[in-house]
Protein backbone atom coordinates (compact mmCIF):
# COMPACT_ATOMS: atom_id res chain seq x y z
CA MET A 1 44.10 157.22 -15.04
CA SER A 2 44.59 154.05 -12.99
CA VAL A 3 45.27 150.83 -14.89
CA VAL A 4 43.96 147.52 -13.62
CA VAL A 5 45.22 144.34 -15.27
CA ILE A 6 43.31 141.10 -14.75
CA GLY A 7 46.03 138.49 -15.01
CA ALA A 8 49.58 138.49 -13.67
CA GLY A 9 51.29 136.33 -16.26
CA GLN A 10 53.78 137.32 -18.93
CA ALA A 11 51.42 139.69 -20.75
CA GLY A 12 50.16 141.51 -17.66
CA PHE A 13 53.62 141.81 -16.17
CA GLN A 14 55.10 143.18 -19.41
CA LEU A 15 52.34 145.79 -19.71
CA ALA A 16 52.93 147.04 -16.17
CA ALA A 17 56.72 147.09 -16.55
CA SER A 18 56.53 148.87 -19.92
CA LEU A 19 54.17 151.50 -18.56
CA ARG A 20 56.60 152.37 -15.78
CA GLU A 21 59.52 152.30 -18.21
CA ALA A 22 57.67 154.82 -20.37
CA GLY A 23 57.20 157.15 -17.40
CA TYR A 24 53.58 156.34 -16.57
CA GLU A 25 52.92 157.67 -13.06
CA GLU A 26 49.32 156.66 -12.34
CA PRO A 27 48.41 153.62 -10.19
CA ILE A 28 48.89 150.16 -11.74
CA THR A 29 47.48 146.98 -10.22
CA LEU A 30 48.00 143.42 -11.38
CA VAL A 31 45.34 140.99 -10.19
CA GLY A 32 46.51 137.36 -10.27
CA ASP A 33 44.65 134.25 -9.15
CA GLU A 34 47.82 132.44 -8.02
CA PRO A 35 49.34 133.29 -4.61
CA VAL A 36 52.84 133.81 -6.02
CA LEU A 37 54.85 136.47 -7.82
CA PRO A 38 54.41 136.66 -11.61
CA TYR A 39 56.45 133.87 -13.16
CA GLN A 40 57.41 132.39 -16.52
CA ARG A 41 55.78 129.15 -17.64
CA PRO A 42 58.13 127.62 -20.28
CA PRO A 43 60.62 126.14 -17.77
CA LEU A 44 57.83 124.33 -15.92
CA SER A 45 57.81 121.42 -18.37
CA LYS A 46 61.61 121.27 -18.67
CA ALA A 47 64.27 122.69 -16.33
CA TYR A 48 61.96 123.18 -13.34
CA LEU A 49 60.48 119.70 -13.68
CA LYS A 50 64.00 118.21 -13.71
CA GLY A 51 64.94 120.18 -10.61
CA GLU A 52 67.61 122.17 -12.44
CA VAL A 53 66.12 125.52 -11.39
CA GLY A 54 64.09 126.70 -8.42
CA VAL A 55 61.08 128.98 -8.06
CA ASP A 56 63.28 132.07 -7.82
CA HIS A 57 64.53 131.35 -11.34
CA LEU A 58 60.94 131.32 -12.61
CA GLU A 59 59.97 134.69 -11.16
CA LEU A 60 59.81 137.42 -13.77
CA ARG A 61 61.12 139.88 -11.17
CA PRO A 62 61.72 139.71 -7.40
CA ALA A 63 59.24 141.25 -4.98
CA ALA A 64 61.39 144.37 -4.62
CA PHE A 65 60.87 145.22 -8.29
CA PHE A 66 57.12 145.58 -7.85
CA ALA A 67 57.53 147.66 -4.71
CA ASP A 68 60.18 149.90 -6.27
CA HIS A 69 58.09 150.45 -9.42
CA ARG A 70 54.84 150.96 -7.50
CA ILE A 71 53.10 148.05 -9.24
CA GLY A 72 50.38 146.73 -6.98
CA LEU A 73 49.85 142.97 -6.73
CA ALA A 74 46.43 141.71 -5.74
CA HIS A 75 45.99 137.96 -5.28
CA GLY A 76 42.52 136.64 -5.91
CA ARG A 77 39.90 136.09 -8.56
CA VAL A 78 37.93 138.83 -10.29
CA VAL A 79 34.26 137.82 -10.30
CA ALA A 80 32.65 140.76 -12.11
CA VAL A 81 33.41 143.77 -14.27
CA ASP A 82 31.09 146.78 -14.10
CA ARG A 83 31.84 148.70 -17.27
CA ALA A 84 29.45 151.56 -16.47
CA ALA A 85 31.04 152.19 -13.08
CA ARG A 86 34.54 151.25 -14.32
CA ARG A 87 35.07 148.90 -11.45
CA VAL A 88 36.01 145.26 -10.94
CA THR A 89 34.81 143.11 -8.06
CA LEU A 90 37.13 140.59 -6.44
CA GLU A 91 36.17 137.37 -4.74
CA GLY A 92 35.28 138.37 -1.21
CA ASP A 93 33.61 141.54 -2.52
CA GLY A 94 36.69 143.75 -2.73
CA LYS A 95 36.40 146.54 -5.33
CA LEU A 96 38.98 148.06 -7.65
CA PRO A 97 38.15 151.16 -9.73
CA TYR A 98 39.89 151.55 -13.08
CA GLY A 99 40.52 154.21 -15.67
CA HIS A 100 41.65 151.57 -18.15
CA LEU A 101 41.11 147.84 -17.77
CA VAL A 102 43.22 145.16 -19.44
CA PHE A 103 42.21 141.52 -19.73
CA ALA A 104 45.33 139.35 -19.58
CA THR A 105 43.41 136.35 -18.27
CA GLY A 106 45.29 133.80 -20.37
CA ALA A 107 44.01 130.29 -20.89
CA ARG A 108 43.40 127.12 -18.91
CA ASN A 109 43.98 123.46 -19.60
CA ARG A 110 41.49 121.70 -21.84
CA VAL A 111 40.16 118.90 -19.64
CA LEU A 112 40.22 115.35 -20.94
CA PRO A 113 36.52 114.53 -21.51
CA VAL A 114 36.55 110.80 -20.76
CA PRO A 115 35.61 108.57 -17.81
CA GLY A 116 38.39 108.29 -15.26
CA ALA A 117 39.90 111.69 -15.95
CA GLU A 118 39.39 112.59 -12.28
CA LEU A 119 41.49 109.69 -10.93
CA ASP A 120 44.54 110.26 -8.76
CA GLY A 121 47.70 110.12 -10.81
CA VAL A 122 46.26 112.19 -13.67
CA PHE A 123 47.95 115.57 -14.07
CA TYR A 124 48.08 118.66 -16.25
CA LEU A 125 51.12 120.87 -16.65
CA ARG A 126 50.48 124.59 -17.04
CA THR A 127 50.76 126.24 -13.62
CA LEU A 128 53.45 126.23 -10.95
CA ALA A 129 51.19 124.24 -8.62
CA GLU A 130 50.64 121.61 -11.32
CA ALA A 131 54.37 121.38 -12.02
CA ASP A 132 55.03 120.95 -8.28
CA ALA A 133 52.47 118.15 -8.12
CA VAL A 134 54.03 116.31 -11.07
CA ARG A 135 57.56 116.81 -9.74
CA ALA A 136 56.57 115.30 -6.40
CA VAL A 137 55.30 112.01 -7.85
CA LEU A 138 57.42 111.61 -10.99
CA PRO A 139 60.41 109.85 -9.36
CA ALA A 140 58.23 106.93 -8.26
CA ALA A 141 56.40 106.56 -11.59
CA GLY A 142 57.96 103.87 -13.73
CA ARG A 143 55.39 103.93 -16.54
CA VAL A 144 54.34 107.33 -17.84
CA VAL A 145 51.60 107.95 -20.39
CA VAL A 146 51.37 111.33 -22.09
CA ILE A 147 48.03 112.17 -23.72
CA GLY A 148 48.62 114.72 -26.46
CA ALA A 149 51.64 115.19 -28.73
CA GLY A 150 51.73 118.97 -28.68
CA PHE A 151 54.54 121.09 -27.27
CA ILE A 152 53.82 120.44 -23.59
CA GLY A 153 53.28 116.74 -24.12
CA LEU A 154 56.49 116.21 -26.09
CA GLU A 155 58.58 118.46 -23.84
CA PHE A 156 57.42 116.44 -20.84
CA ALA A 157 57.98 113.16 -22.69
CA ALA A 158 61.59 114.15 -23.41
CA VAL A 159 62.17 115.01 -19.74
CA ALA A 160 60.58 111.76 -18.54
CA ARG A 161 62.75 109.70 -20.90
CA LYS A 162 65.86 111.60 -19.77
CA LEU A 163 64.97 110.64 -16.19
CA GLY A 164 64.68 106.99 -17.18
CA HIS A 165 60.93 106.48 -17.29
CA GLU A 166 59.07 104.29 -19.73
CA VAL A 167 57.04 106.71 -21.89
CA VAL A 168 54.06 106.19 -24.17
CA VAL A 169 52.58 109.16 -26.03
CA VAL A 170 48.96 108.81 -27.16
CA GLU A 171 47.83 111.28 -29.81
CA ALA A 172 44.46 111.38 -31.58
CA ALA A 173 45.85 113.13 -34.67
CA PRO A 174 47.94 111.27 -37.25
CA ARG A 175 51.02 113.46 -36.63
CA VAL A 176 52.87 114.95 -33.67
CA LEU A 177 52.75 118.74 -33.38
CA GLY A 178 50.25 118.65 -36.23
CA ARG A 179 48.66 122.02 -35.45
CA ALA A 180 51.99 123.84 -35.35
CA LEU A 181 54.28 122.21 -37.90
CA GLY A 182 54.34 120.97 -41.45
CA GLY A 183 54.84 117.34 -42.41
CA VAL A 184 58.64 117.40 -42.73
CA MET A 185 59.32 118.80 -39.26
CA SER A 186 56.54 116.76 -37.68
CA ASP A 187 57.98 113.53 -39.08
CA PHE A 188 61.45 114.55 -37.88
CA PHE A 189 60.26 115.05 -34.28
CA ALA A 190 58.31 111.80 -34.32
CA GLY A 191 61.48 110.00 -35.36
CA GLU A 192 63.55 111.74 -32.71
CA HIS A 193 61.15 110.84 -29.90
CA ARG A 194 61.10 107.24 -31.03
CA ALA A 195 64.91 107.33 -31.05
CA MET A 196 64.81 108.60 -27.45
CA GLY A 197 62.86 105.45 -26.57
CA SER A 198 59.32 106.77 -26.36
CA THR A 199 56.47 104.83 -27.91
CA LEU A 200 54.19 106.97 -30.08
CA MET A 201 50.61 105.86 -30.62
CA LEU A 202 49.36 108.21 -33.34
CA GLY A 203 45.77 108.35 -34.57
CA ALA A 204 44.72 106.82 -31.25
CA GLY A 205 41.85 108.37 -29.32
CA VAL A 206 41.43 107.85 -25.58
CA ALA A 207 38.24 106.09 -24.52
CA ARG A 208 38.75 106.06 -20.76
CA LEU A 209 41.27 105.98 -17.95
CA VAL A 210 41.22 102.83 -15.86
CA GLY A 211 41.58 103.03 -12.08
CA GLU A 212 42.08 100.78 -9.11
CA GLY A 213 41.40 102.06 -5.63
CA GLY A 214 40.81 105.55 -7.02
CA ARG A 215 44.19 105.71 -8.77
CA VAL A 216 44.92 105.50 -12.49
CA VAL A 217 46.54 102.24 -13.64
CA ALA A 218 45.97 102.32 -17.40
CA VAL A 219 44.83 104.30 -20.41
CA GLU A 220 42.38 102.59 -22.74
CA THR A 221 42.32 103.73 -26.35
CA ALA A 222 39.27 104.00 -28.57
CA GLU A 223 40.53 100.88 -30.36
CA GLY A 224 40.43 98.92 -27.10
CA GLU A 225 44.17 98.80 -26.44
CA ARG A 226 45.18 99.16 -22.79
CA VAL A 227 48.40 100.97 -21.86
CA ALA A 228 49.64 100.53 -18.28
CA ALA A 229 50.32 103.79 -16.45
CA ASP A 230 51.66 104.87 -13.06
CA LEU A 231 51.33 108.52 -14.08
CA VAL A 232 49.31 110.25 -16.81
CA VAL A 233 50.04 113.77 -18.02
CA VAL A 234 47.38 115.37 -20.21
CA GLY A 235 48.34 118.04 -22.75
CA ILE A 236 45.47 118.43 -25.22
CA GLY A 237 45.48 122.18 -25.60
CA VAL A 238 43.97 125.10 -23.73
CA VAL A 239 40.76 127.11 -23.54
CA PRO A 240 40.93 130.93 -23.40
CA ASN A 241 39.53 132.46 -20.21
CA VAL A 242 36.82 134.61 -21.78
CA GLU A 243 33.93 134.07 -19.39
CA LEU A 244 34.45 137.24 -17.35
CA ALA A 245 34.69 139.39 -20.48
CA ALA A 246 31.64 137.74 -22.02
CA ALA A 247 29.63 138.35 -18.84
CA ALA A 248 30.61 142.02 -19.11
CA GLY A 249 29.12 142.14 -22.61
CA LEU A 250 32.37 142.12 -24.58
CA SER A 251 32.62 140.30 -27.91
CA VAL A 252 34.21 136.86 -27.93
CA ASP A 253 35.58 135.06 -30.99
CA ASN A 254 37.99 132.27 -29.98
CA GLY A 255 39.23 134.72 -27.37
CA ILE A 256 38.32 138.27 -26.42
CA ALA A 257 37.89 140.10 -29.73
CA VAL A 258 40.12 143.16 -30.12
CA ASP A 259 41.09 145.41 -33.00
CA ALA A 260 44.52 145.98 -34.53
CA ARG A 261 45.46 148.12 -31.52
CA LEU A 262 44.26 145.46 -29.06
CA LEU A 263 41.19 147.41 -27.96
CA THR A 264 37.80 145.83 -27.36
CA GLU A 265 34.64 147.63 -28.46
CA ASP A 266 34.83 149.42 -25.09
CA PRO A 267 37.51 152.14 -25.51
CA GLU A 268 38.53 151.73 -21.88
CA ILE A 269 39.20 147.99 -22.11
CA SER A 270 42.03 146.11 -23.86
CA ALA A 271 42.91 142.43 -24.06
CA ILE A 272 46.37 140.92 -24.52
CA GLY A 273 48.20 137.61 -24.52
CA ASP A 274 46.76 134.11 -24.82
CA VAL A 275 43.19 135.37 -24.39
CA ALA A 276 43.23 138.05 -27.13
CA SER A 277 41.81 137.37 -30.59
CA TYR A 278 43.15 139.95 -33.04
CA PRO A 279 43.44 140.50 -36.82
CA SER A 280 47.01 139.63 -37.82
CA ARG A 281 48.65 140.85 -40.99
CA HIS A 282 50.83 137.74 -40.76
CA ALA A 283 47.67 135.65 -41.20
CA ASP A 284 46.29 137.74 -44.11
CA ASN A 285 44.34 139.81 -41.53
CA VAL A 286 42.39 136.79 -40.34
CA ARG A 287 41.62 136.89 -36.62
CA VAL A 288 44.07 134.73 -34.60
CA ARG A 289 44.80 133.95 -30.98
CA LEU A 290 48.43 133.10 -30.20
CA GLU A 291 49.83 131.25 -27.21
CA SER A 292 53.44 132.37 -26.87
CA VAL A 293 55.73 134.39 -24.64
CA GLN A 294 56.69 136.64 -27.55
CA ASN A 295 53.10 137.50 -28.37
CA ALA A 296 52.21 138.14 -24.73
CA ALA A 297 55.19 140.41 -24.15
CA ASP A 298 54.89 142.32 -27.44
CA GLN A 299 51.17 142.88 -26.94
CA GLY A 300 51.87 144.19 -23.45
CA ARG A 301 54.36 146.66 -24.91
CA CYS A 302 51.89 147.68 -27.63
CA VAL A 303 49.13 148.57 -25.15
CA ALA A 304 51.63 150.36 -22.90
CA ALA A 305 52.66 152.49 -25.89
CA ARG A 306 49.03 153.37 -26.61
CA LEU A 307 48.35 154.35 -23.01
CA THR A 308 51.39 156.63 -23.03
CA GLY A 309 50.51 158.47 -26.24
CA ARG A 310 52.41 156.35 -28.79
CA ALA A 311 49.57 154.32 -30.27
CA HIS A 312 50.28 151.95 -33.16
CA ASP A 313 48.84 148.78 -34.66
CA TYR A 314 50.12 145.47 -33.35
CA THR A 315 52.21 144.06 -36.21
CA ALA A 316 54.95 142.08 -34.45
CA VAL A 317 56.19 139.01 -36.30
CA PRO A 318 55.05 135.94 -34.29
CA TRP A 319 57.72 133.54 -33.13
CA PHE A 320 57.77 130.50 -30.90
CA TRP A 321 60.18 127.90 -29.53
CA SER A 322 60.25 124.50 -27.89
CA ASP A 323 63.17 122.68 -26.24
CA GLN A 324 62.97 118.89 -26.41
CA ALA A 325 66.06 117.06 -25.16
CA ASP A 326 68.95 118.57 -27.16
CA LEU A 327 66.68 119.80 -29.95
CA LYS A 328 65.82 123.50 -30.06
CA LEU A 329 62.83 124.05 -32.30
CA GLN A 330 62.26 127.67 -33.35
CA MET A 331 59.36 128.87 -35.46
CA VAL A 332 58.64 132.26 -36.95
CA GLY A 333 55.58 133.34 -38.90
CA LEU A 334 52.18 131.69 -39.25
CA SER A 335 51.74 128.74 -41.58
CA ARG A 336 48.66 126.82 -42.70
CA PRO A 337 48.08 123.24 -43.81
CA GLY A 338 48.91 123.04 -47.49
CA ASP A 339 51.67 125.66 -47.46
CA ALA A 340 54.63 124.50 -49.54
CA GLU A 341 57.68 123.18 -47.65
CA VAL A 342 61.25 123.85 -48.77
CA VAL A 343 63.99 122.14 -46.77
CA ARG A 344 67.30 123.92 -46.19
CA GLY A 345 70.00 121.71 -44.73
CA ASP A 346 70.02 117.99 -43.98
CA PRO A 347 67.51 116.62 -41.43
CA ALA A 348 69.91 113.74 -40.75
CA SER A 349 72.37 116.29 -39.31
CA ARG A 350 69.68 117.41 -36.81
CA ARG A 351 70.38 120.98 -37.97
CA PHE A 352 68.01 122.16 -40.68
CA SER A 353 65.13 124.49 -41.50
CA VAL A 354 61.86 124.23 -43.37
CA PHE A 355 60.78 127.37 -45.21
CA ARG A 356 57.00 127.56 -45.73
CA PHE A 357 55.58 129.33 -48.79
CA ARG A 358 52.05 130.26 -49.80
CA GLU A 359 51.71 131.15 -53.48
CA GLU A 360 55.48 131.73 -53.67
CA ARG A 361 55.36 134.07 -50.66
CA LEU A 362 57.40 133.24 -47.54
CA VAL A 363 55.01 132.90 -44.58
CA ALA A 364 56.93 130.90 -41.95
CA ILE A 365 60.20 129.17 -41.08
CA GLU A 366 60.64 126.12 -38.83
CA SER A 367 64.21 125.52 -37.62
CA VAL A 368 65.96 122.89 -35.52
CA ASN A 369 69.32 123.74 -33.95
CA ARG A 370 69.78 126.40 -36.62
CA PRO A 371 69.26 129.75 -34.86
CA ALA A 372 70.73 131.88 -37.65
CA ASP A 373 67.92 130.89 -40.01
CA HIS A 374 65.39 131.76 -37.33
CA MET A 375 66.86 135.18 -36.61
CA LEU A 376 67.06 136.01 -40.31
CA GLY A 377 63.50 134.82 -40.69
CA ARG A 378 62.25 137.33 -38.16
CA ARG A 379 63.63 140.07 -40.40
CA LEU A 380 62.56 138.52 -43.69
CA LEU A 381 58.97 138.19 -42.50
CA THR A 382 58.63 141.90 -41.85
CA GLY A 383 57.85 141.99 -45.58
CA ILE A 384 61.14 143.17 -47.00
CA PRO A 385 62.86 141.82 -48.89
CA SER A 386 61.36 138.77 -50.64
CA LEU A 387 62.83 135.27 -50.71
CA THR A 388 62.03 132.74 -53.42
CA PRO A 389 61.54 129.00 -52.82
CA ALA A 390 64.57 128.27 -55.01
CA GLN A 391 66.78 130.56 -52.93
CA ALA A 392 65.50 129.05 -49.69
CA GLY A 393 66.40 125.55 -50.78
CA ASP A 394 69.85 126.48 -52.08
CA GLU A 395 72.43 126.14 -49.29
CA GLY A 396 74.83 128.09 -51.46
CA PHE A 397 72.58 131.13 -51.49
CA ASP A 398 73.50 133.64 -48.76
CA LEU A 399 70.28 134.61 -46.99
CA LYS A 400 72.02 137.59 -45.43
CA SER A 401 72.50 139.11 -48.87
CA LEU A 402 68.76 139.85 -48.98
CA LEU A 403 69.03 142.07 -45.94
CA ALA A 404 71.68 144.23 -47.60
CA ARG A 405 69.42 145.18 -50.49
């Protein structure tokens, strides 16, 4: 049974590699819409942007790996999926038959919906080509405006400040990283970015981008304030690439809807990675869609196991990370607004964790420069054993003692 994977990012690559590792001998083809080898995205907004690493460092494997493991690479865009014929059509009318099809189509940048967004000097930062474009113009940009205080926006802001640029971050929400973090950690990162020298404009919507001669020169907020800009980087989230699946008649619910084993309603089609919407036991079995390397890789492994006769539900504990200057933020679990926050350690030391509880049950841990708490959290959130809020907040309590029970 041939396997065709639409998408050659982290999820698609991991699926193909895991299939071969498990002894799968049938044809495997990755179809990617970028004319490069599969690569990792996290360094794009950090080490790659600073010029500390080259493209070869980004590649998930060299070209020889794909040849040696008989993993086909097709560059181009899939324009149609014929479920009845089990065949995908590529741009240019090429055809690929499949025995099992996997959507690993990922997500794309959410476009800033204001006048002036199309001006020269306005960039996004998700793909290698976008990172190359930013890297080419960044040295000459004295004044940088970042729209969006999520992970990409703040990672880029930290890099731009390190390189000596004047940085203003404009965020519509009242807090930085508000979708991902609780109030304690969000306030900590806001303070750290201000200490780096960035200006944070929180609760400020963008009304338009102002241009002269076709090039951006300022960002105008909804309140009428104008912020001068030589370069604007937009990081306001992503949109899952579901259109192809929807056109093929597959269910969509904030992503391609799959079951606990990552199968769509078509038994010959799976979906994994940033595009997959699945019921997570770490979210009380509510359907979620996660944008992380861990989720992409673990879902790729899960589908590979199913296709090689070792089917199981996808239950991996979600974890995430973000590097901002010398701060390593690590998160494990899935929290919600309103979850209780218990601080372990001293935020002033820049080494502390926030344990999140829902009805006395540990649901997530946010850590800065405290990797031991994060690693223990991955084990604690498998469900055994339990940790109380009082224990979490007591530095004298040995978290490792729970694992010995």
